[in-house]
Amino acid sequence: MSKIYTAITGDLVDSRKLPDRQKVQKQLQNILIQVNRRYRQQIAVRFSIILGDEFQGLLFSPQPSYPLIREIQRQIYPVRVKFGVGIGPLATRIMPSTSSMDGVCLLNSRQALLLTKKSRATIVYQSEQTDYDRLINTIILLIDALQSHWQEIHYRRVTLYEQLGSRQAVARKEKVSPQMISKMFQDIHLEEIKKAEETLKLLLNPIRLKLKNQPYKVEIKKSTL
């Protein structure tokens, strides 16, 4: 069986309408440098701008793809980015840039990105398993629906929470009460989003991927709540 890779293609939404497009492109380049450094152990080909406002990179596994994408989205906010994630084998050897490569994962990534442009989805996964893709993409759509009203303050405080590890620490950093942070997190459905993201983490584990044409089964455990 061919080794499975994960290609990620991102595209800035309505980039030509941005008031300071060059500044945003520079910001994107800096973000990609940070991502390449942070995820260097998981990256097969470093992320780089490949065409206009499109950028692409290749991962050894699908597992870090979602948190990597969310990191880019949060750092470049309020500029919107859409992502196509393709899972599959390569037809060429690993090269310094994905623009010189070919394979199912890259084709799937491109097709997935096209699907985002025909819908409200910000992220679409495409592999050789339709059921697997539908499951992941549905969860992401639900997360996006919950986050659709987030503003800069929400992204900032959630990022602080992930970095500092407690609501009390976020409150001290933001110079507000812990109760205010708790109320905000409740209002933006952070707990529900985190649970959905944990499910995505499990689904994106490489051992969950099956051979093409084999049914993808999901085991639902009885709740103990």
Foldseek 3Di string as FASTA:
>chain_A
DAQKKKKKKKAWPPLVPDPCSVVLLVQLVVLQVVLCVVCVVFWLEGWDADDDRMIMTMGSFQQCVVVSVVSSQLSSPPTAMAMFMFMDHWPDDRDNGCVPTGDRRVVRRVVRRVVVVVDVQRYFYDYLAPVLRVVLSVLSVVLCVLCVPDDNVNSVLVVVCVVVVDLCVSCVVVVHDSVVSVVVCVSSVVVVSVVSVVVSSVSRDVVQDDDRPDHRDDDDDDDPD
